[in-house]
Every structure is written in structure tokens, then in C-alpha cells.
Amino acid sequence: MSRWIRLGAAVTAMIMIANLQYGWTLFTGPLTKATGWKLSEVQYGWTLFIVLETWPCPCAAG
């Protein structure tokens, strides 16, 4: 696969995921109120998302 196709696919994927990354703060308040969890507990979901988003990248690049 060409380098340019991979670059285009990576940029497209980052654009698609950026909405979740920047919008997360809008959902933390309602999530804490709806579930009764502390903010630190809600942030575990964010941490899991970031770990699963970033750690597979080195494996996929090889």
C-alpha cells in the first residue's frame, strides 16, 4: 500500500476520533450525575479509550 494512502487513512481516522476526544468533557458532568460516580471513576473510561486507541498503533505500523 502506498505511503500516501496510509497517511490519508491515518489523517481521516484522527479527524473522526477527534470529536470524541474534544467532546468528552461535555459528558463527564451528566455521567457523574446520572450514575452517582465520582469524576475520577468516570475518567477510567477515558483512560481505557486512550490506551486502546494509542497502544495498538506501534503494532499496526510494522
N, C-alpha and C. Protein backbone atom coordinates (compact mmCIF):
# COMPACT_ATOMS: atom_id res chain seq x y z
N MET A 1 0.85 -1.17 0.00
CA MET A 1 0.00 0.00 0.00
C MET A 1 0.91 1.24 0.00
N SER A 2 0.51 2.21 -0.72
CA SER A 2 1.33 3.42 -0.85
C SER A 2 1.37 4.21 0.45
N ARG A 3 2.46 4.92 0.61
CA ARG A 3 2.64 5.75 1.80
C ARG A 3 1.57 6.82 1.89
N TRP A 4 1.17 7.36 0.77
CA TRP A 4 0.18 8.44 0.74
C TRP A 4 -1.21 7.93 1.13
N ILE A 5 -1.54 6.73 0.75
CA ILE A 5 -2.84 6.15 1.15
C ILE A 5 -2.86 5.93 2.65
N ARG A 6 -1.76 5.43 3.20
CA ARG A 6 -1.69 5.22 4.66
C ARG A 6 -1.80 6.55 5.40
N LEU A 7 -1.10 7.55 4.89
CA LEU A 7 -1.17 8.87 5.53
C LEU A 7 -2.59 9.41 5.47
N GLY A 8 -3.23 9.33 4.33
CA GLY A 8 -4.61 9.79 4.20
C GLY A 8 -5.57 9.05 5.12
N ALA A 9 -5.38 7.74 5.24
CA ALA A 9 -6.22 6.94 6.13
C ALA A 9 -6.00 7.33 7.59
N ALA A 10 -4.75 7.58 7.97
CA ALA A 10 -4.44 7.97 9.34
C ALA A 10 -5.03 9.34 9.67
N VAL A 11 -4.92 10.27 8.75
CA VAL A 11 -5.47 11.61 8.98
C VAL A 11 -6.99 11.54 9.08
N THR A 12 -7.61 10.76 8.22
CA THR A 12 -9.07 10.59 8.26
C THR A 12 -9.51 9.99 9.59
N ALA A 13 -8.79 8.97 10.04
CA ALA A 13 -9.14 8.33 11.32
C ALA A 13 -9.00 9.31 12.48
N MET A 14 -7.96 10.13 12.48
CA MET A 14 -7.77 11.09 13.56
C MET A 14 -8.85 12.17 13.54
N ILE A 15 -9.27 12.57 12.35
CA ILE A 15 -10.36 13.55 12.26
C ILE A 15 -11.65 12.96 12.82
N MET A 16 -11.89 11.70 12.53
CA MET A 16 -13.12 11.05 13.00
C MET A 16 -13.12 10.88 14.51
N ILE A 17 -11.97 10.59 15.10
CA ILE A 17 -11.90 10.33 16.54
C ILE A 17 -11.79 11.63 17.34
N ALA A 18 -11.38 12.73 16.70
CA ALA A 18 -11.18 13.99 17.41
C ALA A 18 -12.46 14.47 18.08
N ASN A 19 -13.61 14.22 17.47
CA ASN A 19 -14.87 14.64 18.09
C ASN A 19 -15.07 13.99 19.44
N LEU A 20 -14.73 12.73 19.56
CA LEU A 20 -14.85 12.05 20.86
C LEU A 20 -13.86 12.62 21.87
N GLN A 21 -12.66 12.89 21.42
CA GLN A 21 -11.64 13.40 22.33
C GLN A 21 -12.02 14.78 22.87
N TYR A 22 -12.45 15.67 22.02
CA TYR A 22 -12.77 17.02 22.47
C TYR A 22 -14.15 17.11 23.13
N GLY A 23 -15.03 16.23 22.79
CA GLY A 23 -16.37 16.27 23.36
C GLY A 23 -16.52 15.55 24.68
N TRP A 24 -15.50 14.83 25.10
CA TRP A 24 -15.59 14.03 26.33
C TRP A 24 -15.96 14.89 27.54
N THR A 25 -15.41 16.08 27.64
CA THR A 25 -15.67 16.92 28.80
C THR A 25 -17.14 17.32 28.91
N LEU A 26 -17.85 17.32 27.79
CA LEU A 26 -19.28 17.65 27.84
C LEU A 26 -20.09 16.54 28.50
N PHE A 27 -19.58 15.32 28.49
CA PHE A 27 -20.32 14.19 29.01
C PHE A 27 -19.96 13.81 30.44
N THR A 28 -18.84 14.32 30.96
CA THR A 28 -18.45 13.91 32.31
C THR A 28 -19.43 14.39 33.37
N GLY A 29 -19.92 15.62 33.24
CA GLY A 29 -20.89 16.13 34.22
C GLY A 29 -22.17 15.31 34.24
N PRO A 30 -22.84 15.12 33.09
CA PRO A 30 -24.05 14.30 33.08
C PRO A 30 -23.81 12.85 33.53
N LEU A 31 -22.64 12.29 33.19
CA LEU A 31 -22.35 10.92 33.62
C LEU A 31 -22.21 10.81 35.13
N THR A 32 -21.55 11.79 35.75
CA THR A 32 -21.41 11.73 37.20
C THR A 32 -22.76 11.90 37.90
N LYS A 33 -23.61 12.75 37.35
CA LYS A 33 -24.94 12.95 37.95
C LYS A 33 -25.84 11.73 37.74
N ALA A 34 -25.81 11.15 36.56
CA ALA A 34 -26.70 10.03 36.25
C ALA A 34 -26.30 8.75 36.98
N THR A 35 -25.02 8.54 37.19
CA THR A 35 -24.57 7.28 37.79
C THR A 35 -24.22 7.41 39.27
N GLY A 36 -23.97 8.64 39.72
CA GLY A 36 -23.56 8.82 41.12
C GLY A 36 -22.08 8.52 41.33
N TRP A 37 -21.34 8.33 40.25
CA TRP A 37 -19.91 8.07 40.36
C TRP A 37 -19.15 9.37 40.55
N LYS A 38 -17.95 9.26 41.12
CA LYS A 38 -17.07 10.42 41.22
C LYS A 38 -16.45 10.67 39.84
N LEU A 39 -15.96 11.89 39.64
CA LEU A 39 -15.33 12.24 38.37
C LEU A 39 -14.14 11.33 38.08
N SER A 40 -13.37 11.00 39.11
CA SER A 40 -12.21 10.13 38.90
C SER A 40 -12.63 8.75 38.41
N GLU A 41 -13.78 8.27 38.82
CA GLU A 41 -14.27 6.97 38.35
C GLU A 41 -14.74 7.04 36.90
N VAL A 42 -15.36 8.14 36.54
CA VAL A 42 -15.80 8.32 35.15
C VAL A 42 -14.60 8.41 34.22
N GLN A 43 -13.52 9.01 34.71
CA GLN A 43 -12.34 9.18 33.88
C GLN A 43 -11.64 7.86 33.57
N TYR A 44 -11.94 6.78 34.29
CA TYR A 44 -11.38 5.48 33.94
C TYR A 44 -11.81 5.07 32.53
N GLY A 45 -13.02 5.41 32.15
CA GLY A 45 -13.48 5.13 30.79
C GLY A 45 -12.66 5.87 29.75
N TRP A 46 -12.32 7.12 30.05
CA TRP A 46 -11.49 7.92 29.15
C TRP A 46 -10.09 7.32 29.05
N THR A 47 -9.55 6.92 30.19
CA THR A 47 -8.22 6.32 30.21
C THR A 47 -8.19 5.05 29.37
N LEU A 48 -9.20 4.22 29.52
CA LEU A 48 -9.28 2.98 28.73
C LEU A 48 -9.36 3.30 27.24
N PHE A 49 -10.13 4.29 26.88
CA PHE A 49 -10.25 4.69 25.48
C PHE A 49 -8.90 5.11 24.91
N ILE A 50 -8.18 5.96 25.64
CA ILE A 50 -6.89 6.45 25.17
C ILE A 50 -5.89 5.31 25.05
N VAL A 51 -5.87 4.41 26.02
CA VAL A 51 -4.94 3.28 25.97
C VAL A 51 -5.24 2.40 24.76
N LEU A 52 -6.50 2.09 24.54
CA LEU A 52 -6.86 1.23 23.42
C LEU A 52 -6.68 1.93 22.07
N GLU A 53 -6.71 3.25 22.08
CA GLU A 53 -6.53 4.00 20.84
C GLU A 53 -5.05 4.10 20.46
N THR A 54 -4.18 4.25 21.45
CA THR A 54 -2.78 4.52 21.14
C THR A 54 -1.87 3.30 21.16
N TRP A 55 -2.06 2.37 22.05
CA TRP A 55 -1.13 1.25 22.16
C TRP A 55 -1.10 0.32 20.95
N PRO A 56 -2.20 0.09 20.23
CA PRO A 56 -2.11 -0.78 19.05
C PRO A 56 -1.35 -0.15 17.88
N CYS A 57 -1.15 1.15 17.89
CA CYS A 57 -0.52 1.83 16.74
C CYS A 57 0.88 1.31 16.42
N PRO A 58 1.77 1.14 17.38
CA PRO A 58 3.08 0.60 17.02
C PRO A 58 3.02 -0.80 16.41
N CYS A 59 2.08 -1.59 16.84
CA CYS A 59 1.93 -2.94 16.29
C CYS A 59 1.40 -2.90 14.86
N ALA A 60 0.50 -1.98 14.59
CA ALA A 60 -0.09 -1.89 13.26
C ALA A 60 0.87 -1.28 12.24
N ALA A 61 1.81 -0.49 12.71
CA ALA A 61 2.73 0.18 11.79
C ALA A 61 3.79 -0.77 11.24
N GLY A 62 3.99 -1.88 11.92
CA GLY A 62 5.05 -2.80 11.50
C GLY A 62 4.65 -3.68 10.43
